[in-house]
PDB file of all heavy atoms in Angstrom:
ATOM      1  N   ILE A   1      42.372 -51.685 -25.224  1.00  0.00           N
ATOM      2  CA  ILE A   1      41.912 -52.287 -26.492  1.00  0.00           C
ATOM      3  C   ILE A   1      41.819 -53.815 -26.457  1.00  0.00           C
ATOM      4  O   ILE A   1      40.805 -54.404 -26.890  1.00  0.00           O
ATOM      5  CB  ILE A   1      42.804 -51.833 -27.647  1.00  0.00           C
ATOM      6  CG1 ILE A   1      42.673 -50.378 -27.962  1.00  0.00           C
ATOM      7  CG2 ILE A   1      42.610 -52.715 -28.876  1.00  0.00           C
ATOM      8  CD1 ILE A   1      43.587 -49.844 -29.059  1.00  0.00           C
ATOM      9  N   LEU A   2      42.759 -54.418 -25.866  1.00  0.00           N
ATOM     10  CA  LEU A   2      42.721 -55.906 -25.850  1.00  0.00           C
ATOM     11  C   LEU A   2      41.613 -56.511 -24.969  1.00  0.00           C
ATOM     12  O   LEU A   2      41.223 -57.631 -25.231  1.00  0.00           O
ATOM     13  CB  LEU A   2      44.078 -56.473 -25.363  1.00  0.00           C
ATOM     14  CG  LEU A   2      45.319 -56.160 -26.278  1.00  0.00           C
ATOM     15  CD1 LEU A   2      46.542 -56.853 -25.729  1.00  0.00           C
ATOM     16  CD2 LEU A   2      45.093 -56.581 -27.659  1.00  0.00           C
ATOM     17  N   LYS A   3      41.078 -55.679 -24.101  1.00  0.00           N
ATOM     18  CA  LYS A   3      39.971 -56.118 -23.223  1.00  0.00           C
ATOM     19  C   LYS A   3      38.664 -56.091 -24.071  1.00  0.00           C
ATOM     20  O   LYS A   3      37.693 -56.786 -23.610  1.00  0.00           O
ATOM     21  CB  LYS A   3      39.919 -55.268 -22.029  1.00  0.00           C
ATOM     22  CG  LYS A   3      41.025 -55.571 -21.020  1.00  0.00           C
ATOM     23  CD  LYS A   3      40.820 -54.798 -19.721  1.00  0.00           C
ATOM     24  CE  LYS A   3      41.914 -55.039 -18.723  1.00  0.00           C
ATOM     25  NZ  LYS A   3      42.025 -56.460 -18.238  1.00  0.00           N
ATOM     26  N   ILE A   4      38.575 -55.250 -25.040  1.00  0.00           N
ATOM     27  CA  ILE A   4      37.338 -55.154 -25.796  1.00  0.00           C
ATOM     28  C   ILE A   4      37.631 -55.458 -27.318  1.00  0.00           C
ATOM     29  O   ILE A   4      36.920 -54.971 -28.233  1.00  0.00           O
ATOM     30  CB  ILE A   4      36.685 -53.724 -25.687  1.00  0.00           C
ATOM     31  CG1 ILE A   4      37.736 -52.644 -26.083  1.00  0.00           C
ATOM     32  CG2 ILE A   4      36.203 -53.488 -24.298  1.00  0.00           C
ATOM     33  CD1 ILE A   4      37.104 -51.214 -26.104  1.00  0.00           C
ATOM     34  N   TYR A   5      38.724 -56.182 -27.550  1.00  0.00           N
ATOM     35  CA  TYR A   5      39.219 -56.426 -28.924  1.00  0.00           C
ATOM     36  C   TYR A   5      38.161 -56.961 -29.821  1.00  0.00           C
ATOM     37  O   TYR A   5      37.979 -56.533 -30.982  1.00  0.00           O
ATOM     38  CB  TYR A   5      40.389 -57.362 -28.758  1.00  0.00           C
ATOM     39  CG  TYR A   5      41.075 -57.699 -30.105  1.00  0.00           C
ATOM     40  CD1 TYR A   5      42.031 -56.866 -30.641  1.00  0.00           C
ATOM     41  CD2 TYR A   5      40.770 -58.920 -30.829  1.00  0.00           C
ATOM     42  CE1 TYR A   5      42.638 -57.199 -31.893  1.00  0.00           C
ATOM     43  CE2 TYR A   5      41.363 -59.211 -31.946  1.00  0.00           C
ATOM     44  CZ  TYR A   5      42.269 -58.359 -32.464  1.00  0.00           C
ATOM     45  OH  TYR A   5      42.948 -58.664 -33.708  1.00  0.00           O
ATOM     46  N   ASP A   6      37.384 -57.964 -29.379  1.00  0.00           N
ATOM     47  CA  ASP A   6      36.381 -58.562 -30.214  1.00  0.00           C
ATOM     48  C   ASP A   6      35.211 -57.710 -30.527  1.00  0.00           C
ATOM     49  O   ASP A   6      34.437 -58.065 -31.488  1.00  0.00           O
ATOM     50  CB  ASP A   6      35.895 -59.881 -29.513  1.00  0.00           C
ATOM     51  CG  ASP A   6      36.974 -60.958 -29.404  1.00  0.00           C
ATOM     52  OD1 ASP A   6      37.886 -60.927 -30.255  1.00  0.00           O
ATOM     53  OD2 ASP A   6      36.895 -61.716 -28.471  1.00  0.00           O
ATOM     54  N   LYS A   7      35.037 -56.649 -29.885  1.00  0.00           N
ATOM     55  CA  LYS A   7      33.868 -55.749 -30.103  1.00  0.00           C
ATOM     56  C   LYS A   7      34.243 -54.568 -31.092  1.00  0.00           C
ATOM     57  O   LYS A   7      33.298 -53.856 -31.499  1.00  0.00           O
ATOM     58  CB  LYS A   7      33.422 -55.163 -28.828  1.00  0.00           C
ATOM     59  CG  LYS A   7      32.927 -56.212 -27.800  1.00  0.00           C
ATOM     60  CD  LYS A   7      32.507 -55.547 -26.481  1.00  0.00           C
ATOM     61  CE  LYS A   7      32.060 -56.624 -25.446  1.00  0.00           C
ATOM     62  NZ  LYS A   7      31.634 -55.964 -24.173  1.00  0.00           N
ATOM     63  N   ILE A   8      35.495 -54.458 -31.453  1.00  0.00           N
ATOM     64  CA  ILE A   8      35.905 -53.384 -32.411  1.00  0.00           C
ATOM     65  C   ILE A   8      36.056 -53.977 -33.805  1.00  0.00           C
ATOM     66  O   ILE A   8      36.730 -55.001 -33.979  1.00  0.00           O
ATOM     67  CB  ILE A   8      37.263 -52.816 -31.926  1.00  0.00           C
ATOM     68  CG1 ILE A   8      37.180 -52.339 -30.463  1.00  0.00           C
ATOM     69  CG2 ILE A   8      37.661 -51.624 -32.831  1.00  0.00           C
ATOM     70  CD1 ILE A   8      38.494 -51.823 -29.937  1.00  0.00           C
ATOM     71  N   PRO A   9      35.490 -53.271 -34.824  1.00  0.00           N
ATOM     72  CA  PRO A   9      35.671 -53.782 -36.196  1.00  0.00           C
ATOM     73  C   PRO A   9      37.149 -53.905 -36.560  1.00  0.00           C
ATOM     74  O   PRO A   9      37.915 -52.990 -36.302  1.00  0.00           O
ATOM     75  CB  PRO A   9      34.964 -52.672 -37.031  1.00  0.00           C
ATOM     76  CG  PRO A   9      33.958 -52.080 -36.078  1.00  0.00           C
ATOM     77  CD  PRO A   9      34.595 -52.064 -34.697  1.00  0.00           C
ATOM     78  N   LYS A  10      37.473 -54.953 -37.235  1.00  0.00           N
ATOM     79  CA  LYS A  10      38.862 -55.210 -37.603  1.00  0.00           C
ATOM     80  C   LYS A  10      39.458 -54.180 -38.470  1.00  0.00           C
ATOM     81  O   LYS A  10      40.686 -53.876 -38.362  1.00  0.00           O
ATOM     82  CB  LYS A  10      38.975 -56.589 -38.207  1.00  0.00           C
ATOM     83  CG  LYS A  10      38.700 -57.781 -37.278  1.00  0.00           C
ATOM     84  CD  LYS A  10      39.721 -57.835 -36.156  1.00  0.00           C
ATOM     85  CE  LYS A  10      39.516 -59.082 -35.245  1.00  0.00           C
ATOM     86  NZ  LYS A  10      38.284 -58.944 -34.461  1.00  0.00           N
ATOM     87  N   ILE A  11      38.721 -53.531 -39.318  1.00  0.00           N
ATOM     88  CA  ILE A  11      39.267 -52.544 -40.176  1.00  0.00           C
ATOM     89  C   ILE A  11      39.801 -51.342 -39.401  1.00  0.00           C
ATOM     90  O   ILE A  11      40.866 -50.764 -39.697  1.00  0.00           O
ATOM     91  CB  ILE A  11      38.155 -52.077 -41.229  1.00  0.00           C
ATOM     92  CG1 ILE A  11      38.789 -51.050 -42.200  1.00  0.00           C
ATOM     93  CG2 ILE A  11      36.983 -51.478 -40.511  1.00  0.00           C
ATOM     94  CD1 ILE A  11      39.943 -51.560 -43.075  1.00  0.00           C
ATOM     95  N   PHE A  12      39.095 -50.952 -38.327  1.00  0.00           N
ATOM     96  CA  PHE A  12      39.570 -49.847 -37.488  1.00  0.00           C
ATOM     97  C   PHE A  12      40.816 -50.269 -36.708  1.00  0.00           C
ATOM     98  O   PHE A  12      41.742 -49.425 -36.583  1.00  0.00           O
ATOM     99  CB  PHE A  12      38.479 -49.449 -36.494  1.00  0.00           C
ATOM    100  CG  PHE A  12      37.297 -48.826 -37.207  1.00  0.00           C
ATOM    101  CD1 PHE A  12      36.032 -49.299 -36.901  1.00  0.00           C
ATOM    102  CD2 PHE A  12      37.425 -47.756 -38.041  1.00  0.00           C
ATOM    103  CE1 PHE A  12      34.877 -48.727 -37.569  1.00  0.00           C
ATOM    104  CE2 PHE A  12      36.369 -47.186 -38.703  1.00  0.00           C
ATOM    105  CZ  PHE A  12      35.065 -47.654 -38.451  1.00  0.00           C
ATOM    106  N   LEU A  13      40.840 -51.494 -36.270  1.00  0.00           N
ATOM    107  CA  LEU A  13      42.032 -51.979 -35.536  1.00  0.00           C
ATOM    108  C   LEU A  13      43.239 -52.004 -36.444  1.00  0.00           C
ATOM    109  O   LEU A  13      44.378 -51.698 -36.067  1.00  0.00           O
ATOM    110  CB  LEU A  13      41.758 -53.316 -34.968  1.00  0.00           C
ATOM    111  CG  LEU A  13      40.810 -53.467 -33.774  1.00  0.00           C
ATOM    112  CD1 LEU A  13      40.483 -54.874 -33.438  1.00  0.00           C
ATOM    113  CD2 LEU A  13      41.339 -52.739 -32.543  1.00  0.00           C
ATOM    114  N   HIS A  14      42.980 -52.420 -37.686  1.00  0.00           N
ATOM    115  CA  HIS A  14      44.032 -52.499 -38.640  1.00  0.00           C
ATOM    116  C   HIS A  14      44.635 -51.088 -38.999  1.00  0.00           C
ATOM    117  O   HIS A  14      45.857 -50.830 -39.085  1.00  0.00           O
ATOM    118  CB  HIS A  14      43.567 -53.188 -39.958  1.00  0.00           C
ATOM    119  CG  HIS A  14      44.727 -53.491 -40.915  1.00  0.00           C
ATOM    120  ND1 HIS A  14      45.868 -54.201 -40.541  1.00  0.00           N
ATOM    121  CD2 HIS A  14      44.832 -53.278 -42.221  1.00  0.00           C
ATOM    122  CE1 HIS A  14      46.616 -54.284 -41.629  1.00  0.00           C
ATOM    123  NE2 HIS A  14      46.086 -53.745 -42.648  1.00  0.00           N
ATOM    124  N   LEU A  15      43.741 -50.196 -39.277  1.00  0.00           N
ATOM    125  CA  LEU A  15      44.188 -48.848 -39.551  1.00  0.00           C
ATOM    126  C   LEU A  15      44.885 -48.175 -38.393  1.00  0.00           C
ATOM    127  O   LEU A  15      45.897 -47.499 -38.529  1.00  0.00           O
ATOM    128  CB  LEU A  15      42.941 -47.950 -39.935  1.00  0.00           C
ATOM    129  CG  LEU A  15      42.299 -48.340 -41.278  1.00  0.00           C
ATOM    130  CD1 LEU A  15      41.011 -47.540 -41.467  1.00  0.00           C
ATOM    131  CD2 LEU A  15      43.209 -48.080 -42.505  1.00  0.00           C
ATOM    132  N   TYR A  16      44.408 -48.448 -37.176  1.00  0.00           N
ATOM    133  CA  TYR A  16      45.038 -47.934 -35.953  1.00  0.00           C
ATOM    134  C   TYR A  16      46.503 -48.402 -35.838  1.00  0.00           C
ATOM    135  O   TYR A  16      47.424 -47.708 -35.512  1.00  0.00           O
ATOM    136  CB  TYR A  16      44.183 -48.447 -34.762  1.00  0.00           C
ATOM    137  CG  TYR A  16      44.905 -48.669 -33.476  1.00  0.00           C
ATOM    138  CD1 TYR A  16      45.263 -47.634 -32.655  1.00  0.00           C
ATOM    139  CD2 TYR A  16      45.266 -50.044 -33.140  1.00  0.00           C
ATOM    140  CE1 TYR A  16      46.010 -47.946 -31.425  1.00  0.00           C
ATOM    141  CE2 TYR A  16      45.924 -50.328 -31.994  1.00  0.00           C
ATOM    142  CZ  TYR A  16      46.301 -49.256 -31.102  1.00  0.00           C
ATOM    143  OH  TYR A  16      46.959 -49.534 -29.944  1.00  0.00           O
ATOM    144  N   SER A  17      46.662 -49.710 -36.120  1.00  0.00           N
ATOM    145  CA  SER A  17      47.992 -50.341 -36.062  1.00  0.00           C
ATOM    146  C   SER A  17      48.929 -49.774 -37.078  1.00  0.00           C
ATOM    147  O   SER A  17      50.101 -49.501 -36.800  1.00  0.00           O
ATOM    148  CB  SER A  17      47.833 -51.884 -36.155  1.00  0.00           C
ATOM    149  OG  SER A  17      47.045 -52.392 -35.208  1.00  0.00           O
ATOM    150  N   ILE A  18      48.443 -49.658 -38.333  1.00  0.00           N
ATOM    151  CA  ILE A  18      49.254 -49.093 -39.423  1.00  0.00           C
ATOM    152  C   ILE A  18      49.761 -47.710 -39.045  1.00  0.00           C
ATOM    153  O   ILE A  18      50.924 -47.376 -39.186  1.00  0.00           O
ATOM    154  CB  ILE A  18      48.522 -49.121 -40.696  1.00  0.00           C
ATOM    155  CG1 ILE A  18      48.250 -50.603 -41.227  1.00  0.00           C
ATOM    156  CG2 ILE A  18      49.235 -48.315 -41.748  1.00  0.00           C
ATOM    157  CD1 ILE A  18      47.347 -50.627 -42.408  1.00  0.00           C
ATOM    158  N   PHE A  19      48.872 -46.905 -38.552  1.00  0.00           N
ATOM    159  CA  PHE A  19      49.194 -45.588 -38.172  1.00  0.00           C
ATOM    160  C   PHE A  19      50.312 -45.473 -37.149  1.00  0.00           C
ATOM    161  O   PHE A  19      51.263 -44.776 -37.279  1.00  0.00           O
ATOM    162  CB  PHE A  19      47.946 -44.810 -37.695  1.00  0.00           C
ATOM    163  CG  PHE A  19      48.124 -43.448 -37.290  1.00  0.00           C
ATOM    164  CD1 PHE A  19      48.359 -42.453 -38.253  1.00  0.00           C
ATOM    165  CD2 PHE A  19      48.132 -43.054 -35.948  1.00  0.00           C
ATOM    166  CE1 PHE A  19      48.592 -41.087 -37.917  1.00  0.00           C
ATOM    167  CE2 PHE A  19      48.337 -41.729 -35.595  1.00  0.00           C
ATOM    168  CZ  PHE A  19      48.613 -40.736 -36.574  1.00  0.00           C
ATOM    169  N   LEU A  20      50.118 -46.305 -36.118  1.00  0.00           N
ATOM    170  CA  LEU A  20      51.101 -46.232 -34.995  1.00  0.00           C
ATOM    171  C   LEU A  20      52.464 -46.822 -35.340  1.00  0.00           C
ATOM    172  O   LEU A  20      53.497 -46.260 -34.961  1.00  0.00           O
ATOM    173  CB  LEU A  20      50.494 -46.898 -33.779  1.00  0.00           C
ATOM    174  CG  LEU A  20      49.383 -46.201 -33.050  1.00  0.00           C
ATOM    175  CD1 LEU A  20      48.922 -46.944 -31.817  1.00  0.00           C
ATOM    176  CD2 LEU A  20      49.744 -44.812 -32.687  1.00  0.00           C
ATOM    177  N   PHE A  21      52.483 -48.005 -36.018  1.00  0.00           N
ATOM    178  CA  PHE A  21      53.855 -48.505 -36.336  1.00  0.00           C
ATOM    179  C   PHE A  21      54.512 -47.723 -37.376  1.00  0.00           C
ATOM    180  O   PHE A  21      55.724 -47.664 -37.431  1.00  0.00           O
ATOM    181  CB  PHE A  21      53.819 -50.005 -36.549  1.00  0.00           C
ATOM    182  CG  PHE A  21      53.116 -50.547 -37.805  1.00  0.00           C
ATOM    183  CD1 PHE A  21      53.541 -50.147 -39.109  1.00  0.00           C
ATOM    184  CD2 PHE A  21      52.067 -51.432 -37.695  1.00  0.00           C
ATOM    185  CE1 PHE A  21      52.927 -50.685 -40.225  1.00  0.00           C
ATOM    186  CE2 PHE A  21      51.405 -51.979 -38.825  1.00  0.00           C
ATOM    187  CZ  PHE A  21      51.867 -51.548 -40.122  1.00  0.00           C
ATOM    188  N   THR A  22      53.777 -47.096 -38.303  1.00  0.00           N
ATOM    189  CA  THR A  22      54.374 -46.171 -39.262  1.00  0.00           C
ATOM    190  C   THR A  22      55.006 -45.033 -38.571  1.00  0.00           C
ATOM    191  O   THR A  22      56.151 -44.624 -38.890  1.00  0.00           O
ATOM    192  CB  THR A  22      53.350 -45.725 -40.279  1.00  0.00           C
ATOM    193  OG1 THR A  22      52.808 -46.881 -40.982  1.00  0.00           O
ATOM    194  CG2 THR A  22      54.020 -44.841 -41.338  1.00  0.00           C
ATOM    195  N   LEU A  23      54.343 -44.400 -37.614  1.00  0.00           N
ATOM    196  CA  LEU A  23      54.966 -43.273 -36.868  1.00  0.00           C
ATOM    197  C   LEU A  23      56.220 -43.749 -36.139  1.00  0.00           C
ATOM    198  O   LEU A  23      57.160 -42.944 -36.005  1.00  0.00           O
ATOM    199  CB  LEU A  23      53.937 -42.703 -35.943  1.00  0.00           C
ATOM    200  CG  LEU A  23      52.736 -42.012 -36.426  1.00  0.00           C
ATOM    201  CD1 LEU A  23      51.861 -41.442 -35.312  1.00  0.00           C
ATOM    202  CD2 LEU A  23      53.188 -40.774 -37.331  1.00  0.00           C
ATOM    203  N   GLY A  24      56.103 -44.973 -35.645  1.00  0.00           N
ATOM    204  CA  GLY A  24      57.288 -45.497 -34.957  1.00  0.00           C
ATOM    205  C   GLY A  24      58.566 -45.557 -35.862  1.00  0.00           C
ATOM    206  O   GLY A  24      59.593 -45.288 -35.383  1.00  0.00           O
ATOM    207  N   TRP A  25      58.321 -45.947 -37.118  1.00  0.00           N
ATOM    208  CA  TRP A  25      59.471 -45.910 -38.001  1.00  0.00           C
ATOM    209  C   TRP A  25      60.050 -44.547 -38.280  1.00  0.00           C
ATOM    210  O   TRP A  25      61.250 -44.335 -38.630  1.00  0.00           O
ATOM    211  CB  TRP A  25      59.145 -46.611 -39.339  1.00  0.00           C
ATOM    212  CG  TRP A  25      58.807 -48.044 -39.199  1.00  0.00           C
ATOM    213  CD1 TRP A  25      57.707 -48.744 -39.696  1.00  0.00           C
ATOM    214  CD2 TRP A  25      59.585 -49.062 -38.534  1.00  0.00           C
ATOM    215  NE1 TRP A  25      57.759 -50.084 -39.399  1.00  0.00           N
ATOM    216  CE2 TRP A  25      58.897 -50.291 -38.691  1.00  0.00           C
ATOM    217  CE3 TRP A  25      60.812 -49.002 -37.780  1.00  0.00           C
ATOM    218  CZ2 TRP A  25      59.422 -51.475 -38.137  1.00  0.00           C
ATOM    219  CZ3 TRP A  25      61.271 -50.216 -37.232  1.00  0.00           C
ATOM    220  CH2 TRP A  25      60.543 -51.405 -37.447  1.00  0.00           C
ATOM    221  N   GLY A  26      59.227 -43.519 -38.080  1.00  0.00           N
ATOM    222  CA  GLY A  26      59.727 -42.138 -38.180  1.00  0.00           C
ATOM    223  C   GLY A  26      60.699 -41.842 -37.085  1.00  0.00           C
ATOM    224  O   GLY A  26      61.680 -41.123 -37.248  1.00  0.00           O
TER     225      GLY A  26
END
């Protein structure tokens, strides 16, 4: 992801991050 970070819409990156760190708290 970090290699193509600038090419991905920020909304998708934000949703992706929320999903993964929320699962982590589980």
